[in-house]
Each structure stands twice: as structure tokens, then as C-alpha cells.
Protein backbone atom coordinates (compact mmCIF):
# COMPACT_ATOMS: atom_id res chain seq x y z
CA UNK A 1 101.90 90.86 105.95
CA UNK A 2 105.11 89.18 106.97
CA UNK A 3 106.01 85.59 107.62
CA UNK A 4 105.68 84.97 111.31
CA UNK A 5 108.01 81.96 111.25
CA UNK A 6 110.58 84.39 109.83
CA UNK A 7 110.01 86.92 112.39
CA UNK A 8 110.30 84.10 115.20
CA UNK A 9 113.67 83.01 113.76
CA UNK A 10 114.82 86.74 113.73
CA UNK A 11 113.67 87.15 117.20
CA UNK A 12 115.53 83.87 118.43
CA UNK A 13 118.69 85.23 116.87
CA UNK A 14 118.22 88.69 118.39
CA UNK A 15 117.62 86.98 121.87
CA UNK A 16 121.22 85.62 121.15
CA UNK A 17 122.72 88.85 120.47
CA UNK A 18 123.05 88.70 116.64
CA UNK A 19 123.37 92.27 115.65
CA UNK A 20 122.76 91.43 111.93
CA UNK A 21 119.31 90.08 112.97
CA UNK A 22 118.42 93.37 114.47
CA UNK A 23 119.39 95.23 111.41
CA UNK A 24 117.26 92.69 109.20
CA UNK A 25 114.25 93.11 111.47
CA UNK A 26 114.54 96.96 111.62
CA UNK A 27 114.91 97.10 107.71
CA UNK A 28 111.85 94.86 107.54
CA UNK A 29 109.45 96.61 110.19
CA UNK A 30 110.78 100.22 110.33
CA UNK A 31 108.64 101.56 107.44
CA UNK A 32 105.23 100.22 108.77
CA UNK A 33 106.10 101.40 112.54
CA UNK A 34 107.29 104.73 111.56
CA UNK A 35 104.39 105.05 109.06
CA UNK A 36 101.84 104.31 111.78
CA UNK A 37 103.41 106.44 114.36
CA UNK A 38 103.79 109.41 112.21
CA UNK A 39 100.02 109.15 111.19
CA UNK A 40 99.10 108.81 114.86
CA UNK A 41 101.33 111.67 116.50
CA UNK A 42 101.77 113.80 113.31
CA UNK A 43 105.31 114.69 113.97
CA UNK A 44 107.86 112.73 112.06
CA UNK A 45 110.80 113.54 114.49
CA UNK A 46 108.64 112.18 117.35
CA UNK A 47 107.56 109.28 115.41
CA UNK A 48 111.15 108.43 114.87
CA UNK A 49 111.60 108.53 118.63
CA UNK A 50 108.73 106.12 119.13
CA UNK A 51 109.95 103.93 116.41
CA UNK A 52 113.34 103.77 118.14
CA UNK A 53 111.70 103.00 121.56
CA UNK A 54 109.65 100.10 119.58
CA UNK A 55 112.81 98.51 118.62
CA UNK A 56 114.44 98.83 122.02
CA UNK A 57 111.47 97.00 123.36
CA UNK A 58 111.81 94.41 120.65
CA UNK A 59 115.41 94.05 121.74
CA UNK A 60 114.64 93.57 125.36
CA UNK A 61 111.41 91.37 124.67
CA UNK A 62 113.32 88.98 122.25
CA UNK A 63 114.68 86.62 124.94
CA UNK A 64 111.25 85.96 126.30
CA UNK A 65 109.48 85.83 123.11
CA UNK A 66 107.14 82.68 122.64
CA UNK A 67 106.85 81.60 119.01
CA UNK A 68 103.26 80.64 118.01
CA UNK A 69 101.59 82.60 121.16
CA UNK A 70 100.91 85.69 119.28
CA UNK A 71 101.77 87.17 115.84
CA UNK A 72 104.99 89.42 116.10
CA UNK A 73 103.24 91.93 113.76
CA UNK A 74 100.31 92.35 115.81
CA UNK A 75 102.49 92.72 119.09
CA UNK A 76 104.67 95.18 117.17
CA UNK A 77 101.56 97.35 116.20
CA UNK A 78 100.29 97.17 119.68
CA UNK A 79 103.46 98.40 121.19
CA UNK A 80 103.50 101.25 118.59
CA UNK A 81 99.99 102.22 119.48
CA UNK A 82 100.70 102.37 123.07
CA UNK A 83 103.82 104.48 122.71
CA UNK A 84 101.84 106.78 120.52
CA UNK A 85 99.01 107.00 123.11
CA UNK A 86 101.56 107.88 125.71
CA UNK A 87 103.20 110.51 123.84
CA UNK A 88 99.75 112.19 122.79
CA UNK A 89 98.54 112.28 126.43
CA UNK A 90 101.65 113.99 127.54
CA UNK A 91 101.09 116.53 124.87
CA UNK A 92 99.85 120.02 126.26
CA UNK A 93 99.24 121.83 123.12
CA UNK A 94 99.33 120.30 119.66
CA UNK A 95 101.60 122.14 117.39
CA UNK A 96 100.06 124.35 114.76
CA UNK A 97 100.37 123.14 111.17
CA UNK A 98 103.00 124.68 109.14
CA UNK A 99 102.00 126.50 106.04
CA UNK A 100 104.02 126.53 102.95
CA UNK A 101 106.17 129.78 102.75
CA UNK A 102 105.16 130.46 99.14
CA UNK A 103 103.79 128.89 96.06
CA UNK A 104 105.77 126.55 93.88
CA UNK A 105 106.45 128.54 90.62
CA UNK A 106 106.01 125.44 88.47
CA UNK A 107 102.62 125.18 86.40
CA UNK A 108 101.21 122.53 88.83
CA UNK A 109 101.62 124.72 92.07
CA UNK A 110 97.95 125.40 92.36
CA UNK A 111 97.18 121.78 91.98
CA UNK A 112 99.61 120.97 94.33
CA UNK A 113 98.33 123.49 96.97
CA UNK A 114 94.81 122.05 96.45
CA UNK A 115 96.29 118.57 97.06
CA UNK A 116 97.88 119.65 100.30
CA UNK A 117 94.83 121.45 101.28
CA UNK A 118 92.70 118.26 100.85
CA UNK A 119 95.29 116.13 102.66
CA UNK A 120 95.41 118.49 105.56
CA UNK A 121 91.45 118.34 105.77
CA UNK A 122 91.82 114.56 105.71
CA UNK A 123 94.36 114.55 108.30
CA UNK A 124 92.50 116.88 110.59
CA UNK A 125 89.38 115.10 110.21
CA UNK A 126 91.15 111.78 111.07
CA UNK A 127 92.78 113.38 114.01
CA UNK A 128 89.30 114.81 115.40
CA UNK A 129 87.99 111.18 115.53
CA UNK A 130 87.75 109.56 119.02
CA UNK A 131 91.13 107.82 119.90
CA UNK A 132 90.03 104.27 119.11
CA UNK A 133 88.34 105.09 115.80
CA UNK A 134 91.44 107.06 114.77
CA UNK A 135 93.48 103.99 115.56
CA UNK A 136 91.22 101.59 113.86
CA UNK A 137 91.28 103.71 110.67
CA UNK A 138 95.24 104.17 110.84
CA UNK A 139 95.63 100.57 111.12
CA UNK A 140 93.13 99.46 108.44
CA UNK A 141 93.77 101.93 105.76
CA UNK A 142 97.47 102.98 106.48
CA UNK A 143 98.86 99.75 107.82
CA UNK A 144 96.66 97.39 105.81
CA UNK A 145 95.66 95.08 108.56
CA UNK A 146 92.75 93.04 108.44
CA UNK A 147 89.85 93.49 111.02
CA UNK A 148 91.02 90.12 113.00
CA UNK A 149 94.46 91.80 113.26
CA UNK A 150 93.18 95.18 114.19
CA UNK A 151 91.06 93.43 116.86
CA UNK A 152 94.00 91.76 118.26
CA UNK A 153 96.08 94.92 118.28
CA UNK A 154 93.40 96.85 119.78
CA UNK A 155 92.52 94.24 122.15
CA UNK A 156 88.90 94.06 121.18
CA UNK A 157 86.55 91.93 119.21
CA UNK A 158 86.14 91.92 115.46
CA UNK A 159 82.57 93.25 115.78
CA UNK A 160 83.78 96.10 117.81
CA UNK A 161 86.48 96.97 115.13
CA UNK A 162 83.77 96.74 112.46
CA UNK A 163 81.68 99.11 114.39
CA UNK A 164 84.59 101.40 114.87
CA UNK A 165 85.46 101.55 111.40
CA UNK A 166 81.85 102.21 110.26
CA UNK A 167 81.57 104.94 112.62
CA UNK A 168 84.80 106.62 111.81
CA UNK A 169 84.16 106.42 108.09
CA UNK A 170 80.69 107.70 108.60
CA UNK A 171 82.05 110.81 110.61
CA UNK A 172 84.99 111.35 108.16
CA UNK A 173 82.59 111.33 105.15
CA UNK A 174 80.29 113.92 106.99
CA UNK A 175 83.34 116.02 108.11
CA UNK A 176 84.84 116.16 104.63
CA UNK A 177 81.64 117.17 103.05
CA UNK A 178 81.08 119.86 105.55
CA UNK A 179 84.60 120.99 104.81
CA UNK A 180 84.09 121.20 101.17
CA UNK A 181 80.75 122.89 101.58
CA UNK A 182 82.59 125.64 103.66
CA UNK A 183 85.23 126.38 101.00
CA UNK A 184 84.78 129.51 98.84
CA UNK A 185 83.99 128.99 95.24
CA UNK A 186 85.50 130.93 92.26
CA UNK A 187 82.21 132.64 91.15
């Protein structure tokens, strides 16, 4: 997690029009914002657009930021989640997953394909979760937020977060076990 005092100081500098402070904040926060957006919308280009909009909102919000009122990282995650939700609601059809054109000729090609297949199964299982469970999993496992931080970002209680995570993990475990059971064996 980051130093909220440092974030507050950067926001104060941004509010005064300090371009160097913007670059520092973007450099520090972009990987997490982009990672969360990519996991939720499953499109790197779209996630980049979302990240850009997040930082435009930071720029606009900096003059009215109240240090100590909320953690900046929590606010940043909430803005990212809301923009991702908006994008997902606007989609008519989800794009089909792109399959690799051919196997890698290196000796580890089969292993890599199995890993890709497993990753696709996990991603598909996560995206099949209800929205709130999917967001809780992304914030916990990919963003490394604690339950209280997730509760604040999702505007809910810690108990609700614990319940969301428990249900999501059960569903993922069941879905991934079923996926493995459905795979053909090399008999």
C-alpha cells in the first residue's frame, strides 16, 4: 500500500498545476489501476482508456481533495471500479477470446498451451461470477487490498466483503473442478 500522506502531498501539488507531481502520481499508481481495469474489462486497450480517464478525474478532483477524509488509494480503486462497470454495461457482445495462431516450436510449447488454457479457464470462471463477487476477488487477489479496504471501495461492510469472497471462492473452486473433469484425458 502507499503512503497516504505522500499521496495527499502530491494531490496538493497537482491542485496547484504541478505537472511533475502528475507524472509522479501516474508512475506510482498506473500499474495498479491498469491491472485492475484489465482484469475487469478483459481488454488491454479499453483498460488503458479507463486508466486515462481515472487520471483525468484525479486531475479534476485534486483541487477539492480533503486530506484525511478518505484514503486516496481507496478512492482511486472506487473510481476505477465505477468506470469499469460503466464500460461493461455499455458492451453489447463480449469479444471472443483470441486463440493462438500456432504452437510455439520450442520444447515448452505444450506446457505453455496448457498454462494458457488454465489461465483462460480461471479468467472465464472469474468473469462468470456476479459483478460484486468478481470485483471483490479482483481487489483482494490481484490488487492486494485488505477486507476493510475492499469494503470501503465497494461501499459495503467488512462482513459483506467476507461473504462475497467466500461465495466467489466456492463458486470458482466448483467451476474449475468441473472444467477439469470435462477435459479429455490422454488414455
